[in-house]
Amino acid sequence: QNQLDVLGAAFGYRPTSNAYFSAVRHLEHPLACFLGVRSILTNRYLPAIPGMERIDHDESPPFVLLRNACALPRWFFPAAVERVERQRILGWITAMRDPWTVAMEPDASVPIELNPRRDPVHIETTRPGYARLAFAPAPEASLLASSIPAAAGWRAFANEQRLATVTVNGAFLGVVVPRDVDRVEVRFEPPGFRWGAALATVAAACLLAIAFGRRGGRRVHAG
């Protein structure tokens, strides 16, 4: 729901059970750059989108392919971090002007000042539910932001030490990077997965014990 609220604040995207394919407007909004939207397919009968470069050369009329030159990478260090109360996030998104500036709710677990930086982030390894990221170390703590939905199962580590994760721009994953850290791993584990796996293991062990017990009982009875 948080993602839909953010998309509604930026683009007017508000699907309902009767209108699942809601209209999307104002694609020039900076949130499109934050989300890493690199290209947009539209048609010549719709209003022009400011700031977009046409790249289709009129090859498939009436469709028009546009390039969004300001698209951000999936992971990046923001140029500025603003602390915004939860009830003000959607208003902040609507008024957003710079995709490199992100909003983060005040969080008692992150009392430190997060210093802005513009170092590039290199994705060393990525697969569904996992990424290993490398970057230059910094002398102060900083915020590593992403356009990945901030689901509850995401965890971040540096040298196997757990790092704090936060929500940026109302619905997306951020990681607090301590000073002098140059690599971060992020992993997704569905909430309750370990408990479920442990219960499944116990249940399997009980079933095996029952099965072997029955076999042993039959052998004793036959003798």
C-alpha atoms as a PDB file:
ATOM      1  CA  GLN A   1       0.000   0.000   0.000  1.00  0.00           C
ATOM      2  CA  ASN A   2       2.850   2.420   0.731  1.00  0.00           C
ATOM      3  CA  GLN A   3       4.112   2.094  -2.843  1.00  0.00           C
ATOM      4  CA  LEU A   4       0.656   2.801  -4.276  1.00  0.00           C
ATOM      5  CA  ASP A   5       0.316   5.852  -2.049  1.00  0.00           C
ATOM      6  CA  VAL A   6       3.687   7.188  -3.240  1.00  0.00           C
ATOM      7  CA  LEU A   7       2.844   6.515  -6.904  1.00  0.00           C
ATOM      8  CA  GLY A   8      -0.487   8.234  -6.391  1.00  0.00           C
ATOM      9  CA  ALA A   9       1.175  11.308  -4.886  1.00  0.00           C
ATOM     10  CA  ALA A  10       3.624  11.606  -7.797  1.00  0.00           C
ATOM     11  CA  PHE A  11       1.697  10.344 -10.837  1.00  0.00           C
ATOM     12  CA  GLY A  12      -1.950  10.232  -9.817  1.00  0.00           C
ATOM     13  CA  TYR A  13      -1.797   6.433 -10.067  1.00  0.00           C
ATOM     14  CA  ARG A  14      -4.722   5.206  -7.957  1.00  0.00           C
ATOM     15  CA  PRO A  15      -6.030   1.832  -9.122  1.00  0.00           C
ATOM     16  CA  THR A  16      -9.266   0.472  -7.696  1.00  0.00           C
ATOM     17  CA  SER A  17     -11.112  -2.831  -7.990  1.00  0.00           C
ATOM     18  CA  ASN A  18     -13.200  -1.256 -10.777  1.00  0.00           C
ATOM     19  CA  ALA A  19     -10.361   0.625 -12.485  1.00  0.00           C
ATOM     20  CA  TYR A  20      -7.303  -1.558 -12.041  1.00  0.00           C
ATOM     21  CA  PHE A  21      -5.424   0.092 -14.933  1.00  0.00           C
ATOM     22  CA  SER A  22      -5.372   3.565 -13.492  1.00  0.00           C
ATOM     23  CA  ALA A  23      -4.143   6.486 -15.568  1.00  0.00           C
ATOM     24  CA  VAL A  24      -0.534   7.618 -15.051  1.00  0.00           C
ATOM     25  CA  ARG A  25       0.132  11.338 -15.337  1.00  0.00           C
ATOM     26  CA  HIS A  26       2.985  13.790 -14.802  1.00  0.00           C
ATOM     27  CA  LEU A  27       5.737  11.373 -15.848  1.00  0.00           C
ATOM     28  CA  GLU A  28       8.129  14.316 -15.798  1.00  0.00           C
ATOM     29  CA  HIS A  29       7.884  14.129 -12.006  1.00  0.00           C
ATOM     30  CA  PRO A  30      11.320  13.558 -10.366  1.00  0.00           C
ATOM     31  CA  LEU A  31      10.082  10.315  -8.802  1.00  0.00           C
ATOM     32  CA  ALA A  32      10.318   8.730 -12.276  1.00  0.00           C
ATOM     33  CA  CYS A  33      14.046   9.529 -12.206  1.00  0.00           C
ATOM     34  CA  PHE A  34      14.364   8.172  -8.649  1.00  0.00           C
ATOM     35  CA  LEU A  35      12.659   4.936  -9.767  1.00  0.00           C
ATOM     36  CA  GLY A  36      15.177   4.538 -12.587  1.00  0.00           C
ATOM     37  CA  VAL A  37      12.592   4.849 -15.382  1.00  0.00           C
ATOM     38  CA  ARG A  38      14.828   5.068 -18.454  1.00  0.00           C
ATOM     39  CA  SER A  39      12.292   4.929 -21.258  1.00  0.00           C
ATOM     40  CA  ILE A  40       8.593   5.614 -21.721  1.00  0.00           C
ATOM     41  CA  LEU A  41       6.304   4.363 -24.482  1.00  0.00           C
ATOM     42  CA  THR A  42       3.496   6.773 -25.255  1.00  0.00           C
ATOM     43  CA  ASN A  43       1.681   7.914 -28.417  1.00  0.00           C
ATOM     44  CA  ARG A  44       1.418  11.108 -30.363  1.00  0.00           C
ATOM     45  CA  TYR A  45      -2.172  11.749 -29.277  1.00  0.00           C
ATOM     46  CA  LEU A  46      -1.236  12.116 -25.623  1.00  0.00           C
ATOM     47  CA  PRO A  47       0.236  15.298 -24.132  1.00  0.00           C
ATOM     48  CA  ALA A  48       3.984  15.710 -24.559  1.00  0.00           C
ATOM     49  CA  ILE A  49       6.143  14.880 -21.546  1.00  0.00           C
ATOM     50  CA  PRO A  50       8.543  17.740 -20.725  1.00  0.00           C
ATOM     51  CA  GLY A  51      12.242  16.941 -20.574  1.00  0.00           C
ATOM     52  CA  MET A  52      12.039  13.633 -22.458  1.00  0.00           C
ATOM     53  CA  GLU A  53      14.075  12.896 -25.592  1.00  0.00           C
ATOM     54  CA  ARG A  54      12.338  11.113 -28.451  1.00  0.00           C
ATOM     55  CA  ILE A  55      14.388   8.133 -29.683  1.00  0.00           C
ATOM     56  CA  ASP A  56      12.053   6.124 -31.937  1.00  0.00           C
ATOM     57  CA  HIS A  57      12.605   8.120 -35.197  1.00  0.00           C
ATOM     58  CA  ASP A  58       8.905   7.713 -36.024  1.00  0.00           C
ATOM     59  CA  GLU A  59       9.378   4.026 -36.828  1.00  0.00           C
ATOM     60  CA  SER A  60       6.149   2.731 -35.253  1.00  0.00           C
ATOM     61  CA  PRO A  61       3.400   5.316 -35.579  1.00  0.00           C
ATOM     62  CA  PRO A  62       1.387   6.309 -33.653  1.00  0.00           C
ATOM     63  CA  PHE A  63       3.646   5.118 -30.814  1.00  0.00           C
ATOM     64  CA  VAL A  64       6.411   7.318 -29.457  1.00  0.00           C
ATOM     65  CA  LEU A  65       9.435   6.079 -27.499  1.00  0.00           C
ATOM     66  CA  LEU A  66      11.049   8.563 -25.117  1.00  0.00           C
ATOM     67  CA  ARG A  67      14.289   8.462 -23.164  1.00  0.00           C
ATOM     68  CA  ASN A  68      14.504   9.772 -19.620  1.00  0.00           C
ATOM     69  CA  ALA A  69      18.039  11.116 -19.290  1.00  0.00           C
ATOM     70  CA  CYS A  70      17.812  11.748 -15.525  1.00  0.00           C
ATOM     71  CA  ALA A  71      17.113   8.121 -14.511  1.00  0.00           C
ATOM     72  CA  LEU A  72      19.074   7.184 -11.384  1.00  0.00           C
ATOM     73  CA  PRO A  73      20.798   3.834 -10.803  1.00  0.00           C
ATOM     74  CA  ARG A  74      19.082   1.205  -8.677  1.00  0.00           C
ATOM     75  CA  TRP A  75      21.502   1.928  -5.784  1.00  0.00           C
ATOM     76  CA  PHE A  76      22.991   5.353  -5.126  1.00  0.00           C
ATOM     77  CA  PHE A  77      24.215   7.754  -2.470  1.00  0.00           C
ATOM     78  CA  PRO A  78      21.796  10.712  -2.308  1.00  0.00           C
ATOM     79  CA  ALA A  79      23.097  14.253  -2.470  1.00  0.00           C
ATOM     80  CA  ALA A  80      20.888  15.218   0.482  1.00  0.00           C
ATOM     81  CA  VAL A  81      18.746  13.472   3.093  1.00  0.00           C
ATOM     82  CA  GLU A  82      15.731  15.220   4.621  1.00  0.00           C
ATOM     83  CA  ARG A  83      14.060  13.948   7.785  1.00  0.00           C
ATOM     84  CA  VAL A  84      10.316  14.021   7.125  1.00  0.00           C
ATOM     85  CA  GLU A  85       7.538  12.872   9.468  1.00  0.00           C
ATOM     86  CA  ARG A  86       5.443   9.970   8.167  1.00  0.00           C
ATOM     87  CA  GLN A  87       2.266  12.025   7.884  1.00  0.00           C
ATOM     88  CA  ARG A  88       4.095  14.549   5.676  1.00  0.00           C
ATOM     89  CA  ILE A  89       5.793  12.072   3.312  1.00  0.00           C
ATOM     90  CA  LEU A  90       3.121  12.089   0.588  1.00  0.00           C
ATOM     91  CA  GLY A  91       3.037  15.885   0.515  1.00  0.00           C
ATOM     92  CA  TRP A  92       6.840  15.872   0.279  1.00  0.00           C
ATOM     93  CA  ILE A  93       6.661  13.429  -2.649  1.00  0.00           C
ATOM     94  CA  THR A  94       4.121  15.601  -4.473  1.00  0.00           C
ATOM     95  CA  ALA A  95       6.383  18.652  -4.103  1.00  0.00           C
ATOM     96  CA  MET A  96       9.591  16.715  -4.877  1.00  0.00           C
ATOM     97  CA  ARG A  97      12.025  18.641  -7.097  1.00  0.00           C
ATOM     98  CA  ASP A  98      15.325  16.743  -7.072  1.00  0.00           C
ATOM     99  CA  PRO A  99      15.548  12.936  -7.438  1.00  0.00           C
ATOM    100  CA  TRP A 100      18.975  13.007  -5.753  1.00  0.00           C
ATOM    101  CA  THR A 101      17.373  14.300  -2.542  1.00  0.00           C
ATOM    102  CA  VAL A 102      15.490  11.662  -0.547  1.00  0.00           C
ATOM    103  CA  ALA A 103      13.180  11.777   2.446  1.00  0.00           C
ATOM    104  CA  MET A 104      13.689   9.555   5.487  1.00  0.00           C
ATOM    105  CA  GLU A 105      11.411   9.333   8.478  1.00  0.00           C
ATOM    106  CA  PRO A 106      12.987  10.356  11.801  1.00  0.00           C
ATOM    107  CA  ASP A 107      14.155   7.077  13.313  1.00  0.00           C
ATOM    108  CA  ALA A 108      15.334   6.654  16.892  1.00  0.00           C
ATOM    109  CA  SER A 109      17.546   3.753  15.789  1.00  0.00           C
ATOM    110  CA  VAL A 110      19.432   6.119  13.442  1.00  0.00           C
ATOM    111  CA  PRO A 111      20.271   9.125  15.629  1.00  0.00           C
ATOM    112  CA  ILE A 112      23.446   9.980  13.749  1.00  0.00           C
ATOM    113  CA  GLU A 113      23.744  12.583  11.026  1.00  0.00           C
ATOM    114  CA  LEU A 114      23.925  10.962   7.600  1.00  0.00           C
ATOM    115  CA  ASN A 115      26.356  12.842   5.425  1.00  0.00           C
ATOM    116  CA  PRO A 116      25.637  13.263   1.702  1.00  0.00           C
ATOM    117  CA  ARG A 117      28.092  11.910  -0.870  1.00  0.00           C
ATOM    118  CA  ARG A 118      28.117  11.316  -4.615  1.00  0.00           C
ATOM    119  CA  ASP A 119      30.423   8.295  -4.926  1.00  0.00           C
ATOM    120  CA  PRO A 120      29.302   5.722  -7.509  1.00  0.00           C
ATOM    121  CA  VAL A 121      27.975   2.365  -6.293  1.00  0.00           C
ATOM    122  CA  HIS A 122      29.239  -0.730  -8.104  1.00  0.00           C
ATOM    123  CA  ILE A 123      27.040  -3.828  -8.148  1.00  0.00           C
ATOM    124  CA  GLU A 124      29.499  -6.722  -7.826  1.00  0.00           C
ATOM    125  CA  THR A 125      26.905  -9.506  -7.659  1.00  0.00           C
ATOM    126  CA  THR A 126      23.157  -9.529  -7.996  1.00  0.00           C
ATOM    127  CA  ARG A 127      20.428 -12.141  -8.123  1.00  0.00           C
ATOM    128  CA  PRO A 128      16.829 -12.248  -6.896  1.00  0.00           C
ATOM    129  CA  GLY A 129      16.850 -11.385  -3.211  1.00  0.00           C
ATOM    130  CA  TYR A 130      20.579 -10.638  -3.013  1.00  0.00           C
ATOM    131  CA  ALA A 131      23.099  -7.986  -3.987  1.00  0.00           C
ATOM    132  CA  ARG A 132      26.714  -7.246  -3.087  1.00  0.00           C
ATOM    133  CA  LEU A 133      27.650  -3.588  -3.513  1.00  0.00           C
ATOM    134  CA  ALA A 134      31.047  -1.872  -3.465  1.00  0.00           C
ATOM    135  CA  PHE A 135      31.959   1.792  -3.148  1.00  0.00           C
ATOM    136  CA  ALA A 136      34.653   4.072  -1.778  1.00  0.00           C
ATOM    137  CA  PRO A 137      34.793   4.189   2.049  1.00  0.00           C
ATOM    138  CA  ALA A 138      33.850   7.474   3.705  1.00  0.00           C
ATOM    139  CA  PRO A 139      34.977   8.997   7.027  1.00  0.00           C
ATOM    140  CA  GLU A 140      31.345   9.516   8.139  1.00  0.00           C
ATOM    141  CA  ALA A 141      28.179   7.450   8.161  1.00  0.00           C
ATOM    142  CA  SER A 142      26.008   7.846   5.089  1.00  0.00           C
ATOM    143  CA  LEU A 143      22.751   6.658   3.576  1.00  0.00           C
ATOM    144  CA  LEU A 144      22.700   4.184   0.690  1.00  0.00           C
ATOM    145  CA  ALA A 145      19.354   4.586  -1.075  1.00  0.00           C
ATOM    146  CA  SER A 146      17.558   2.382  -3.587  1.00  0.00           C
ATOM    147  CA  SER A 147      14.318   2.125  -5.545  1.00  0.00           C
ATOM    148  CA  ILE A 148      13.727  -1.400  -4.209  1.00  0.00           C
ATOM    149  CA  PRO A 149      10.457  -1.703  -2.267  1.00  0.00           C
ATOM    150  CA  ALA A 150      11.165  -1.683   1.465  1.00  0.00           C
ATOM    151  CA  ALA A 151       9.672  -5.076   2.309  1.00  0.00           C
ATOM    152  CA  ALA A 152      10.105  -6.353   5.862  1.00  0.00           C
ATOM    153  CA  GLY A 153      12.422  -9.204   4.857  1.00  0.00           C
ATOM    154  CA  TRP A 154      15.360  -7.094   3.652  1.00  0.00           C
ATOM    155  CA  ARG A 155      18.537  -7.208   5.754  1.00  0.00           C
ATOM    156  CA  ALA A 156      21.889  -5.529   5.189  1.00  0.00           C
ATOM    157  CA  PHE A 157      25.348  -6.585   6.339  1.00  0.00           C
ATOM    158  CA  ALA A 158      28.939  -5.356   6.270  1.00  0.00           C
ATOM    159  CA  ASN A 159      31.547  -7.958   7.245  1.00  0.00           C
ATOM    160  CA  GLU A 160      28.619 -10.058   8.532  1.00  0.00           C
ATOM    161  CA  GLN A 161      27.642  -7.264  10.924  1.00  0.00           C
ATOM    162  CA  ARG A 162      23.976  -6.292  10.678  1.00  0.00           C
ATOM    163  CA  LEU A 163      23.355  -2.745   9.422  1.00  0.00           C
ATOM    164  CA  ALA A 164      20.337  -0.566  10.021  1.00  0.00           C
ATOM    165  CA  THR A 165      17.773  -0.443   7.217  1.00  0.00           C
ATOM    166  CA  VAL A 166      15.368   2.469   6.792  1.00  0.00           C
ATOM    167  CA  THR A 167      12.539   3.531   4.495  1.00  0.00           C
ATOM    168  CA  VAL A 168      13.277   6.301   1.997  1.00  0.00           C
ATOM    169  CA  ASN A 169      10.752   8.296  -0.025  1.00  0.00           C
ATOM    170  CA  GLY A 170       7.929   6.620   1.826  1.00  0.00           C
ATOM    171  CA  ALA A 171       8.243   3.103   0.450  1.00  0.00           C
ATOM    172  CA  PHE A 172      11.775   2.171  -0.610  1.00  0.00           C
ATOM    173  CA  LEU A 173      14.820   0.511   0.911  1.00  0.00           C
ATOM    174  CA  GLY A 174      17.718   2.435   2.408  1.00  0.00           C
ATOM    175  CA  VAL A 175      20.793   1.202   4.285  1.00  0.00           C
ATOM    176  CA  VAL A 176      22.789   3.145   6.862  1.00  0.00           C
ATOM    177  CA  VAL A 177      26.455   2.661   5.940  1.00  0.00           C
ATOM    178  CA  PRO A 178      28.911   3.157   8.822  1.00  0.00           C
ATOM    179  CA  ARG A 179      32.124   5.058   8.265  1.00  0.00           C
ATOM    180  CA  ASP A 180      35.062   3.281   6.582  1.00  0.00           C
ATOM    181  CA  VAL A 181      32.796   0.556   5.128  1.00  0.00           C
ATOM    182  CA  ASP A 182      33.402  -0.196   1.441  1.00  0.00           C
ATOM    183  CA  ARG A 183      31.120  -3.190   0.822  1.00  0.00           C
ATOM    184  CA  VAL A 184      27.540  -4.030   1.731  1.00  0.00           C
ATOM    185  CA  GLU A 185      25.465  -7.156   1.196  1.00  0.00           C
ATOM    186  CA  VAL A 186      21.677  -6.993   1.118  1.00  0.00           C
ATOM    187  CA  ARG A 187      19.609 -10.157   1.457  1.00  0.00           C
ATOM    188  CA  PHE A 188      15.897 -10.818   1.363  1.00  0.00           C
ATOM    189  CA  GLU A 189      14.406 -13.427   3.643  1.00  0.00           C
ATOM    190  CA  PRO A 190      10.603 -13.685   3.864  1.00  0.00           C
ATOM    191  CA  PRO A 191       9.394 -12.837   7.384  1.00  0.00           C
ATOM    192  CA  GLY A 192       8.935 -16.021   9.398  1.00  0.00           C
ATOM    193  CA  PHE A 193      11.022 -18.090   6.969  1.00  0.00           C
ATOM    194  CA  ARG A 194      13.450 -19.396   9.613  1.00  0.00           C
ATOM    195  CA  TRP A 195      10.683 -20.287  12.039  1.00  0.00           C
ATOM    196  CA  GLY A 196       8.807 -22.035   9.242  1.00  0.00           C
ATOM    197  CA  ALA A 197      11.933 -23.950   8.179  1.00  0.00           C
ATOM    198  CA  ALA A 198      12.620 -24.969  11.797  1.00  0.00           C
ATOM    199  CA  LEU A 199       9.041 -26.190  12.297  1.00  0.00           C
ATOM    200  CA  ALA A 200       9.195 -28.090   9.002  1.00  0.00           C
ATOM    201  CA  THR A 201      12.446 -29.768  10.123  1.00  0.00           C
ATOM    202  CA  VAL A 202      10.932 -30.741  13.473  1.00  0.00           C
ATOM    203  CA  ALA A 203       7.809 -32.080  11.764  1.00  0.00           C
ATOM    204  CA  ALA A 204       9.914 -34.124   9.318  1.00  0.00           C
ATOM    205  CA  ALA A 205      11.980 -35.540  12.181  1.00  0.00           C
ATOM    206  CA  CYS A 206       8.806 -36.521  14.056  1.00  0.00           C
ATOM    207  CA  LEU A 207       7.370 -38.239  10.975  1.00  0.00           C
ATOM    208  CA  LEU A 208      10.608 -40.162  10.453  1.00  0.00           C
ATOM    209  CA  ALA A 209      10.668 -41.193  14.127  1.00  0.00           C
ATOM    210  CA  ILE A 210       7.074 -42.403  13.904  1.00  0.00           C
ATOM    211  CA  ALA A 211       7.770 -44.303  10.666  1.00  0.00           C
ATOM    212  CA  PHE A 212      10.872 -46.048  12.047  1.00  0.00           C
ATOM    213  CA  GLY A 213       9.080 -46.747  15.302  1.00  0.00           C
ATOM    214  CA  ARG A 214       6.282 -48.506  13.464  1.00  0.00           C
ATOM    215  CA  ARG A 215       8.730 -50.585  11.449  1.00  0.00           C
ATOM    216  CA  GLY A 216      10.621 -51.529  14.584  1.00  0.00           C
ATOM    217  CA  GLY A 217       7.386 -52.418  16.331  1.00  0.00           C
ATOM    218  CA  ARG A 218       6.327 -54.711  13.487  1.00  0.00           C
ATOM    219  CA  ARG A 219       9.697 -56.495  13.567  1.00  0.00           C
ATOM    220  CA  VAL A 220       9.448 -57.105  17.307  1.00  0.00           C
ATOM    221  CA  HIS A 221       5.880 -58.378  16.969  1.00  0.00           C
ATOM    222  CA  ALA A 222       6.861 -60.819  14.181  1.00  0.00           C
ATOM    223  CA  GLY A 223       9.600 -62.353  16.280  1.00  0.00           C
END
